[in-house]
PDB file of N, CA and C in Angstrom:
ATOM      1  N   MET A   1      -6.760 -14.080   9.405  1.00  0.00           N
ATOM      2  CA  MET A   1      -6.078 -12.229   9.407  1.00  0.00           C
ATOM      3  C   MET A   1      -4.865 -12.595   9.643  1.00  0.00           C
ATOM      4  N   THR A   2      -4.452 -11.346   9.133  1.00  0.00           N
ATOM      5  CA  THR A   2      -2.878 -11.265   9.683  1.00  0.00           C
ATOM      6  C   THR A   2      -2.876  -9.706   9.995  1.00  0.00           C
ATOM      7  N   GLY A   3      -2.480  -9.092  11.155  1.00  0.00           N
ATOM      8  CA  GLY A   3      -2.006  -7.759  11.335  1.00  0.00           C
ATOM      9  C   GLY A   3      -1.157  -6.993  10.536  1.00  0.00           C
ATOM     10  N   PHE A   4      -1.389  -5.800  10.739  1.00  0.00           N
ATOM     11  CA  PHE A   4      -0.801  -4.933   9.918  1.00  0.00           C
ATOM     12  C   PHE A   4      -0.385  -3.627  10.387  1.00  0.00           C
ATOM     13  N   GLY A   5       0.697  -3.090  10.858  1.00  0.00           N
ATOM     14  CA  GLY A   5       0.696  -2.202  11.715  1.00  0.00           C
ATOM     15  C   GLY A   5       0.788  -1.168  10.972  1.00  0.00           C
ATOM     16  N   GLN A   6       0.657   0.324  11.464  1.00  0.00           N
ATOM     17  CA  GLN A   6       0.466   1.911  11.178  1.00  0.00           C
ATOM     18  C   GLN A   6       1.477   2.402  11.161  1.00  0.00           C
ATOM     19  N   GLY A   7       2.515   2.016  11.878  1.00  0.00           N
ATOM     20  CA  GLY A   7       3.528   2.764  12.245  1.00  0.00           C
ATOM     21  C   GLY A   7       4.971   2.909  10.918  1.00  0.00           C
ATOM     22  N   PHE A   8       6.137   3.529  11.462  1.00  0.00           N
ATOM     23  CA  PHE A   8       7.263   3.456  10.120  1.00  0.00           C
ATOM     24  C   PHE A   8       7.681   2.082   9.391  1.00  0.00           C
ATOM     25  N   ALA A   9       7.831   1.148  10.830  1.00  0.00           N
ATOM     26  CA  ALA A   9       8.362   0.050  10.415  1.00  0.00           C
ATOM     27  C   ALA A   9       7.452  -0.774   9.384  1.00  0.00           C
ATOM     28  N   SER A  10       6.053  -0.582   9.748  1.00  0.00           N
ATOM     29  CA  SER A  10       5.341  -1.602   8.669  1.00  0.00           C
ATOM     30  C   SER A  10       4.835  -0.686   7.353  1.00  0.00           C
ATOM     31  N   MET A  11       4.809   0.424   7.571  1.00  0.00           N
ATOM     32  CA  MET A  11       4.667   1.375   6.173  1.00  0.00           C
ATOM     33  C   MET A  11       5.530   1.885   5.315  1.00  0.00           C
ATOM     34  N   SER A  12       6.985   1.998   5.943  1.00  0.00           N
ATOM     35  CA  SER A  12       7.555   2.564   5.048  1.00  0.00           C
ATOM     36  C   SER A  12       7.947   1.915   3.584  1.00  0.00           C
ATOM     37  N   ALA A  13       8.103   0.529   3.696  1.00  0.00           N
ATOM     38  CA  ALA A  13       8.878  -0.070   2.539  1.00  0.00           C
ATOM     39  C   ALA A  13       7.657  -0.046   1.472  1.00  0.00           C
ATOM     40  N   PRO A  14       6.409  -0.263   1.964  1.00  0.00           N
ATOM     41  CA  PRO A  14       4.901   0.214   0.710  1.00  0.00           C
ATOM     42  C   PRO A  14       4.588   1.398   0.291  1.00  0.00           C
ATOM     43  N   THR A  15       4.766   2.275   1.211  1.00  0.00           N
ATOM     44  CA  THR A  15       4.886   3.856   0.696  1.00  0.00           C
ATOM     45  C   THR A  15       6.009   3.981  -0.288  1.00  0.00           C
ATOM     46  N   LYS A  16       7.150   3.501  -0.219  1.00  0.00           N
ATOM     47  CA  LYS A  16       8.201   3.742  -0.990  1.00  0.00           C
ATOM     48  C   LYS A  16       7.891   3.187  -2.489  1.00  0.00           C
ATOM     49  N   GLU A  17       7.567   1.937  -2.367  1.00  0.00           N
ATOM     50  CA  GLU A  17       7.167   1.129  -3.259  1.00  0.00           C
ATOM     51  C   GLU A  17       6.095   2.105  -3.978  1.00  0.00           C
ATOM     52  N   LEU A  18       5.040   2.168  -3.457  1.00  0.00           N
ATOM     53  CA  LEU A  18       3.830   2.903  -4.022  1.00  0.00           C
ATOM     54  C   LEU A  18       4.523   4.103  -4.881  1.00  0.00           C
ATOM     55  N   GLU A  19       5.301   4.657  -4.217  1.00  0.00           N
ATOM     56  CA  GLU A  19       5.949   6.068  -4.893  1.00  0.00           C
ATOM     57  C   GLU A  19       6.430   5.749  -6.155  1.00  0.00           C
ATOM     58  N   ARG A  20       7.525   4.667  -5.770  1.00  0.00           N
ATOM     59  CA  ARG A  20       8.320   4.688  -7.002  1.00  0.00           C
ATOM     60  C   ARG A  20       7.463   4.136  -8.331  1.00  0.00           C
ATOM     61  N   ARG A  21       6.496   3.106  -8.118  1.00  0.00           N
ATOM     62  CA  ARG A  21       5.197   2.813  -9.215  1.00  0.00           C
ATOM     63  C   ARG A  21       4.705   3.667  -9.643  1.00  0.00           C
ATOM     64  N   VAL A  22       4.013   4.798  -8.955  1.00  0.00           N
ATOM     65  CA  VAL A  22       3.316   5.926  -9.175  1.00  0.00           C
ATOM     66  C   VAL A  22       4.440   6.732 -10.229  1.00  0.00           C
ATOM     67  N   LEU A  23       5.717   6.939  -9.820  1.00  0.00           N
ATOM     68  CA  LEU A  23       6.476   7.768 -10.726  1.00  0.00           C
ATOM     69  C   LEU A  23       7.253   7.044 -11.844  1.00  0.00           C
ATOM     70  N   ALA A  24       6.578   5.421 -12.111  1.00  0.00           N
ATOM     71  CA  ALA A  24       7.072   4.856 -13.179  1.00  0.00           C
ATOM     72  C   ALA A  24       6.294   4.744 -14.168  1.00  0.00           C
ATOM     73  N   LYS A  25       4.522   5.359 -13.466  1.00  0.00           N
ATOM     74  CA  LYS A  25       3.664   5.292 -14.228  1.00  0.00           C
ATOM     75  C   LYS A  25       3.151   3.423 -14.279  1.00  0.00           C
ATOM     76  N   LYS A  26       3.759   2.938 -13.356  1.00  0.00           N
ATOM     77  CA  LYS A  26       3.006   1.340 -13.220  1.00  0.00           C
ATOM     78  C   LYS A  26       1.712   1.183 -12.584  1.00  0.00           C
ATOM     79  N   ILE A  27       1.315   2.028 -12.107  1.00  0.00           N
ATOM     80  CA  ILE A  27      -0.261   2.016 -11.098  1.00  0.00           C
ATOM     81  C   ILE A  27      -1.541   2.228 -12.183  1.00  0.00           C
ATOM     82  N   ASN A  28      -2.125   1.345 -12.619  1.00  0.00           N
ATOM     83  CA  ASN A  28      -3.940   1.892 -13.487  1.00  0.00           C
ATOM     84  C   ASN A  28      -4.816   1.675 -12.241  1.00  0.00           C
ATOM     85  N   HIS A  29      -5.765   2.778 -11.927  1.00  0.00           N
ATOM     86  CA  HIS A  29      -6.329   2.626 -11.106  1.00  0.00           C
ATOM     87  C   HIS A  29      -7.561   3.387 -12.112  1.00  0.00           C
ATOM     88  N   ALA A  30      -7.530   3.108 -13.338  1.00  0.00           N
ATOM     89  CA  ALA A  30      -8.712   3.321 -14.176  1.00  0.00           C
ATOM     90  C   ALA A  30      -9.293   4.611 -14.251  1.00  0.00           C
ATOM     91  N   GLY A  31      -8.862   5.679 -13.756  1.00  0.00           N
ATOM     92  CA  GLY A  31      -9.513   6.783 -13.610  1.00  0.00           C
ATOM     93  C   GLY A  31     -10.514   6.879 -12.283  1.00  0.00           C
ATOM     94  N   ASN A  32     -10.478   5.878 -11.350  1.00  0.00           N
ATOM     95  CA  ASN A  32     -11.254   5.943 -10.196  1.00  0.00           C
ATOM     96  C   ASN A  32     -11.114   7.312  -9.638  1.00  0.00           C
ATOM     97  N   PRO A  33     -12.298   7.949  -9.719  1.00  0.00           N
ATOM     98  CA  PRO A  33     -12.343   9.268  -8.929  1.00  0.00           C
ATOM     99  C   PRO A  33     -12.217   9.583  -7.424  1.00  0.00           C
ATOM    100  N   VAL A  34     -12.586   8.252  -6.852  1.00  0.00           N
ATOM    101  CA  VAL A  34     -12.583   8.707  -5.363  1.00  0.00           C
ATOM    102  C   VAL A  34     -11.173   8.494  -4.917  1.00  0.00           C
ATOM    103  N   LEU A  35     -10.728   7.061  -5.717  1.00  0.00           N
ATOM    104  CA  LEU A  35      -9.261   6.957  -5.235  1.00  0.00           C
ATOM    105  C   LEU A  35      -8.232   8.070  -5.833  1.00  0.00           C
ATOM    106  N   ARG A  36      -8.737   8.848  -6.757  1.00  0.00           N
ATOM    107  CA  ARG A  36      -7.919  10.154  -7.001  1.00  0.00           C
ATOM    108  C   ARG A  36      -7.834  11.153  -6.210  1.00  0.00           C
ATOM    109  N   TRP A  37      -9.113  11.437  -5.417  1.00  0.00           N
ATOM    110  CA  TRP A  37      -9.631  12.439  -4.661  1.00  0.00           C
ATOM    111  C   TRP A  37      -8.602  12.180  -3.194  1.00  0.00           C
ATOM    112  N   MET A  38      -8.604  10.851  -3.164  1.00  0.00           N
ATOM    113  CA  MET A  38      -8.108  10.223  -1.748  1.00  0.00           C
ATOM    114  C   MET A  38      -6.350  10.378  -1.636  1.00  0.00           C
ATOM    115  N   ALA A  39      -5.791  10.515  -2.992  1.00  0.00           N
ATOM    116  CA  ALA A  39      -4.532  10.584  -3.549  1.00  0.00           C
ATOM    117  C   ALA A  39      -3.918  11.740  -3.223  1.00  0.00           C
ATOM    118  N   SER A  40      -5.108  12.912  -3.418  1.00  0.00           N
ATOM    119  CA  SER A  40      -4.896  13.929  -3.581  1.00  0.00           C
ATOM    120  C   SER A  40      -4.925  14.748  -2.049  1.00  0.00           C
ATOM    121  N   ASN A  41      -5.113  13.807  -0.963  1.00  0.00           N
ATOM    122  CA  ASN A  41      -5.306  14.594   0.359  1.00  0.00           C
ATOM    123  C   ASN A  41      -4.393  13.629   1.089  1.00  0.00           C
ATOM    124  N   VAL A  42      -3.595  12.820   0.624  1.00  0.00           N
ATOM    125  CA  VAL A  42      -2.485  12.137   1.507  1.00  0.00           C
ATOM    126  C   VAL A  42      -1.136  13.217   1.779  1.00  0.00           C
ATOM    127  N   SER A  43      -0.566  13.155   2.762  1.00  0.00           N
ATOM    128  CA  SER A  43       0.407  13.822   3.027  1.00  0.00           C
ATOM    129  C   SER A  43       1.454  12.654   3.513  1.00  0.00           C
ATOM    130  N   ILE A  44       2.908  12.690   3.126  1.00  0.00           N
ATOM    131  CA  ILE A  44       3.794  11.707   3.748  1.00  0.00           C
ATOM    132  C   ILE A  44       4.582  12.419   5.075  1.00  0.00           C
ATOM    133  N   LYS A  45       4.725  11.499   6.155  1.00  0.00           N
ATOM    134  CA  LYS A  45       5.396  11.939   6.885  1.00  0.00           C
ATOM    135  C   LYS A  45       7.013  11.099   6.960  1.00  0.00           C
ATOM    136  N   GLN A  46       7.987  11.790   7.361  1.00  0.00           N
ATOM    137  CA  GLN A  46       9.215  11.111   7.103  1.00  0.00           C
ATOM    138  C   GLN A  46       9.852  11.318   8.510  1.00  0.00           C
ATOM    139  N   ASP A  47      10.573  10.124   8.918  1.00  0.00           N
ATOM    140  CA  ASP A  47      11.378  10.282  10.405  1.00  0.00           C
ATOM    141  C   ASP A  47      12.853  10.507   9.665  1.00  0.00           C
ATOM    142  N   PRO A  48      13.564  10.650  10.715  1.00  0.00           N
ATOM    143  CA  PRO A  48      15.214  11.211  10.403  1.00  0.00           C
ATOM    144  C   PRO A  48      15.866  10.227   9.973  1.00  0.00           C
ATOM    145  N   ALA A  49      15.505   8.798   9.908  1.00  0.00           N
ATOM    146  CA  ALA A  49      15.978   7.789   9.314  1.00  0.00           C
ATOM    147  C   ALA A  49      15.521   7.455   7.746  1.00  0.00           C
ATOM    148  N   GLY A  50      14.461   8.536   7.229  1.00  0.00           N
ATOM    149  CA  GLY A  50      14.342   8.229   5.850  1.00  0.00           C
ATOM    150  C   GLY A  50      13.073   7.561   5.830  1.00  0.00           C
ATOM    151  N   ASN A  51      12.452   6.889   7.094  1.00  0.00           N
ATOM    152  CA  ASN A  51      11.238   6.036   6.622  1.00  0.00           C
ATOM    153  C   ASN A  51      10.150   6.869   6.586  1.00  0.00           C
ATOM    154  N   MET A  52       9.313   6.593   5.645  1.00  0.00           N
ATOM    155  CA  MET A  52       7.951   7.436   5.282  1.00  0.00           C
ATOM    156  C   MET A  52       6.935   6.455   5.574  1.00  0.00           C
ATOM    157  N   LYS A  53       5.466   7.365   5.764  1.00  0.00           N
ATOM    158  CA  LYS A  53       4.158   6.962   6.059  1.00  0.00           C
ATOM    159  C   LYS A  53       2.999   7.873   5.793  1.00  0.00           C
ATOM    160  N   PRO A  54       1.880   7.801   5.232  1.00  0.00           N
ATOM    161  CA  PRO A  54       1.019   8.474   5.136  1.00  0.00           C
ATOM    162  C   PRO A  54       0.472   8.992   6.398  1.00  0.00           C
ATOM    163  N   ASP A  55       0.449  10.410   6.434  1.00  0.00           N
ATOM    164  CA  ASP A  55      -0.127  11.266   7.633  1.00  0.00           C
ATOM    165  C   ASP A  55      -0.909  11.956   7.393  1.00  0.00           C
ATOM    166  N   LYS A  56      -2.201  10.864   8.564  1.00  0.00           N
ATOM    167  CA  LYS A  56      -3.529  11.498   8.239  1.00  0.00           C
ATOM    168  C   LYS A  56      -3.640  12.998   9.182  1.00  0.00           C
ATOM    169  N   SER A  57      -3.102  13.485  10.020  1.00  0.00           N
ATOM    170  CA  SER A  57      -3.265  14.545  10.727  1.00  0.00           C
ATOM    171  C   SER A  57      -2.779  15.617  10.050  1.00  0.00           C
ATOM    172  N   LYS A  58      -2.409  15.296   8.849  1.00  0.00           N
ATOM    173  CA  LYS A  58      -1.810  16.539   7.931  1.00  0.00           C
ATOM    174  C   LYS A  58      -3.101  16.289   6.828  1.00  0.00           C
ATOM    175  N   SER A  59      -4.034  15.688   6.971  1.00  0.00           N
ATOM    176  CA  SER A  59      -4.838  15.333   5.908  1.00  0.00           C
ATOM    177  C   SER A  59      -6.057  15.845   6.209  1.00  0.00           C
ATOM    178  N   SER A  60      -7.074  16.859   5.295  1.00  0.00           N
ATOM    179  CA  SER A  60      -8.017  17.094   5.963  1.00  0.00           C
ATOM    180  C   SER A  60      -9.321  16.309   5.482  1.00  0.00           C
ATOM    181  N   GLU A  61      -9.059  15.552   4.650  1.00  0.00           N
ATOM    182  CA  GLU A  61     -10.022  14.715   4.173  1.00  0.00           C
ATOM    183  C   GLU A  61      -9.725  13.482   4.237  1.00  0.00           C
ATOM    184  N   ARG A  62     -10.481  12.083   3.500  1.00  0.00           N
ATOM    185  CA  ARG A  62     -10.113  10.753   3.563  1.00  0.00           C
ATOM    186  C   ARG A  62      -8.862  10.555   3.016  1.00  0.00           C
ATOM    187  N   ILE A  63      -8.314   9.401   3.545  1.00  0.00           N
ATOM    188  CA  ILE A  63      -7.020   8.883   2.510  1.00  0.00           C
ATOM    189  C   ILE A  63      -7.159   6.988   2.893  1.00  0.00           C
ATOM    190  N   ASP A  64      -8.129   6.600   3.276  1.00  0.00           N
ATOM    191  CA  ASP A  64      -8.278   5.068   3.629  1.00  0.00           C
ATOM    192  C   ASP A  64      -7.825   4.381   2.571  1.00  0.00           C
ATOM    193  N   GLY A  65      -8.578   4.597   1.450  1.00  0.00           N
ATOM    194  CA  GLY A  65      -8.171   3.585   0.068  1.00  0.00           C
ATOM    195  C   GLY A  65      -6.757   3.657  -0.346  1.00  0.00           C
ATOM    196  N   ILE A  66      -5.846   4.852  -0.188  1.00  0.00           N
ATOM    197  CA  ILE A  66      -4.684   4.964  -0.120  1.00  0.00           C
ATOM    198  C   ILE A  66      -3.868   4.078   0.780  1.00  0.00           C
ATOM    199  N   VAL A  67      -4.302   4.191   2.324  1.00  0.00           N
ATOM    200  CA  VAL A  67      -3.816   3.481   3.253  1.00  0.00           C
ATOM    201  C   VAL A  67      -4.165   1.948   2.933  1.00  0.00           C
ATOM    202  N   ALA A  68      -5.246   1.179   2.397  1.00  0.00           N
ATOM    203  CA  ALA A  68      -5.696  -0.056   2.307  1.00  0.00           C
ATOM    204  C   ALA A  68      -4.603  -0.279   1.260  1.00  0.00           C
ATOM    205  N   ALA A  69      -4.178   0.516   0.062  1.00  0.00           N
ATOM    206  CA  ALA A  69      -3.453   0.043  -0.774  1.00  0.00           C
ATOM    207  C   ALA A  69      -2.047  -0.292  -0.798  1.00  0.00           C
ATOM    208  N   LEU A  70      -1.440   0.498   0.475  1.00  0.00           N
ATOM    209  CA  LEU A  70      -0.576   0.282   1.144  1.00  0.00           C
ATOM    210  C   LEU A  70       0.030  -0.843   1.830  1.00  0.00           C
ATOM    211  N   MET A  71      -1.288  -0.864   2.331  1.00  0.00           N
ATOM    212  CA  MET A  71      -1.607  -2.210   3.178  1.00  0.00           C
ATOM    213  C   MET A  71      -1.244  -3.662   2.615  1.00  0.00           C
ATOM    214  N   ALA A  72      -2.074  -3.760   1.318  1.00  0.00           N
ATOM    215  CA  ALA A  72      -2.495  -4.862   0.592  1.00  0.00           C
ATOM    216  C   ALA A  72      -0.774  -4.815   0.059  1.00  0.00           C
ATOM    217  N   LEU A  73      -0.141  -3.707  -0.355  1.00  0.00           N
ATOM    218  CA  LEU A  73       1.228  -3.724  -1.001  1.00  0.00           C
ATOM    219  C   LEU A  73       2.115  -4.606  -0.121  1.00  0.00           C
ATOM    220  N   GLY A  74       2.146  -3.807   1.253  1.00  0.00           N
ATOM    221  CA  GLY A  74       3.068  -4.327   1.869  1.00  0.00           C
ATOM    222  C   GLY A  74       3.044  -6.062   2.337  1.00  0.00           C
ATOM    223  N   ARG A  75       1.659  -6.365   1.977  1.00  0.00           N
ATOM    224  CA  ARG A  75       1.382  -7.951   2.197  1.00  0.00           C
ATOM    225  C   ARG A  75       2.141  -8.771   1.372  1.00  0.00           C
ATOM    226  N   VAL A  76       1.652  -8.324   0.162  1.00  0.00           N
ATOM    227  CA  VAL A  76       2.290  -8.846  -1.155  1.00  0.00           C
ATOM    228  C   VAL A  76       3.724  -8.855  -0.787  1.00  0.00           C
ATOM    229  N   MET A  77       4.513  -7.741  -0.661  1.00  0.00           N
ATOM    230  CA  MET A  77       5.633  -7.527  -0.521  1.00  0.00           C
ATOM    231  C   MET A  77       6.382  -8.545   0.514  1.00  0.00           C
ATOM    232  N   GLU A  78       5.767  -8.834   1.761  1.00  0.00           N
ATOM    233  CA  GLU A  78       6.270  -9.683   2.375  1.00  0.00           C
ATOM    234  C   GLU A  78       6.076 -11.001   2.335  1.00  0.00           C
ATOM    235  N   SER A  79       4.838 -11.511   1.360  1.00  0.00           N
ATOM    236  CA  SER A  79       4.419 -12.681   1.270  1.00  0.00           C
ATOM    237  C   SER A  79       5.782 -13.884   1.265  1.00  0.00           C
ATOM    238  N   ASP A  80       5.143 -14.855   1.421  1.00  0.00           N
ATOM    239  CA  ASP A  80       6.267 -16.056   1.310  1.00  0.00           C
ATOM    240  C   ASP A  80       6.038 -16.997  -0.186  1.00  0.00           C
ATOM    241  N   ASP A  81       7.144 -16.175  -0.862  1.00  0.00           N
ATOM    242  CA  ASP A  81       7.323 -16.752  -2.576  1.00  0.00           C
ATOM    243  C   ASP A  81       6.866 -18.118  -2.885  1.00  0.00           C
ATOM    244  N   GLU A  82       7.378 -19.136  -1.685  1.00  0.00           N
ATOM    245  CA  GLU A  82       7.568 -20.501  -1.836  1.00  0.00           C
ATOM    246  C   GLU A  82       6.223 -21.137  -1.819  1.00  0.00           C
ATOM    247  N   ARG A  83       5.152 -20.368  -1.237  1.00  0.00           N
ATOM    248  CA  ARG A  83       3.980 -20.655  -1.166  1.00  0.00           C
ATOM    249  C   ARG A  83       3.408 -20.622  -2.127  1.00  0.00           C
ATOM    250  N   GLY A  84       3.540 -19.744  -3.296  1.00  0.00           N
ATOM    251  CA  GLY A  84       3.028 -19.835  -4.133  1.00  0.00           C
ATOM    252  C   GLY A  84       1.100 -19.194  -4.489  1.00  0.00           C
ATOM    253  N   SER A  85       0.654 -19.277  -5.055  1.00  0.00           N
ATOM    254  CA  SER A  85      -0.356 -18.766  -5.191  1.00  0.00           C
ATOM    255  C   SER A  85      -1.795 -20.042  -5.159  1.00  0.00           C
ATOM    256  N   VAL A  86      -2.909 -19.697  -4.743  1.00  0.00           N
ATOM    257  CA  VAL A  86      -3.936 -20.552  -4.836  1.00  0.00           C
ATOM    258  C   VAL A  86      -4.463 -21.090  -6.050  1.00  0.00           C
ATOM    259  N   TYR A  87      -4.115 -20.330  -6.762  1.00  0.00           N
ATOM    260  CA  TYR A  87      -4.837 -20.496  -8.239  1.00  0.00           C
ATOM    261  C   TYR A  87      -3.729 -20.962  -9.362  1.00  0.00           C
ATOM    262  N   ASP A  88      -2.543 -21.475  -8.670  1.00  0.00           N
ATOM    263  CA  ASP A  88      -1.460 -22.239  -9.585  1.00  0.00           C
ATOM    264  C   ASP A  88      -1.970 -23.658  -9.767  1.00  0.00           C
ATOM    265  N   GLY A  89      -2.518 -24.282  -8.823  1.00  0.00           N
ATOM    266  CA  GLY A  89      -2.710 -25.707  -9.371  1.00  0.00           C
ATOM    267  C   GLY A  89      -4.169 -25.913 -10.372  1.00  0.00           C
ATOM    268  N   GLY A  90      -4.639 -25.014 -10.804  1.00  0.00           N
ATOM    269  CA  GLY A  90      -5.749 -24.973 -11.787  1.00  0.00           C
ATOM    270  C   GLY A  90      -7.175 -25.064 -11.133  1.00  0.00           C
ATOM    271  N   GLU A  91      -7.293 -25.324  -9.650  1.00  0.00           N
ATOM    272  CA  GLU A  91      -8.151 -25.035  -9.113  1.00  0.00           C
ATOM    273  C   GLU A  91      -7.991 -24.413  -7.559  1.00  0.00           C
ATOM    274  N   PHE A  92      -9.111 -23.724  -7.398  1.00  0.00           N
ATOM    275  CA  PHE A  92      -9.128 -23.302  -5.983  1.00  0.00           C
ATOM    276  C   PHE A  92      -9.066 -23.805  -4.995  1.00  0.00           C
ATOM    277  N   ALA A  93      -8.263 -23.626  -4.038  1.00  0.00           N
ATOM    278  CA  ALA A  93      -7.743 -24.440  -2.904  1.00  0.00           C
ATOM    279  C   ALA A  93      -7.250 -23.288  -1.640  1.00  0.00           C
ATOM    280  N   PHE A  94      -7.748 -23.356  -0.394  1.00  0.00           N
ATOM    281  CA  PHE A  94      -7.321 -22.787   0.555  1.00  0.00           C
ATOM    282  C   PHE A  94      -5.574 -23.571   0.798  1.00  0.00           C
ATOM    283  N   MET A  95      -4.741 -22.682   1.208  1.00  0.00           N
ATOM    284  CA  MET A  95      -3.540 -23.312   1.998  1.00  0.00           C
ATOM    285  C   MET A  95      -3.374 -23.213   3.226  1.00  0.00           C
TER     286      MET A  95
END
């Protein structure tokens, strides 16, 4: 397991990247009604430096799926490209 913070330092880059992908219509959630509902509940908090993160305090309903998507996107963005994928060799193996 790898930790992932909930503050501006960890959440800003993936929040901005998700926003970029949504605006570019690069996100396909297959019309998932739960994810659509959670997305409608998200509000964004921005600090004076322009960093962004989802703000649960202003959301009246659940946003957990969006936060999970941001965390997953953040881990992908931080991943070590040199390591590659466990699927690259044609057989599944843990690295």
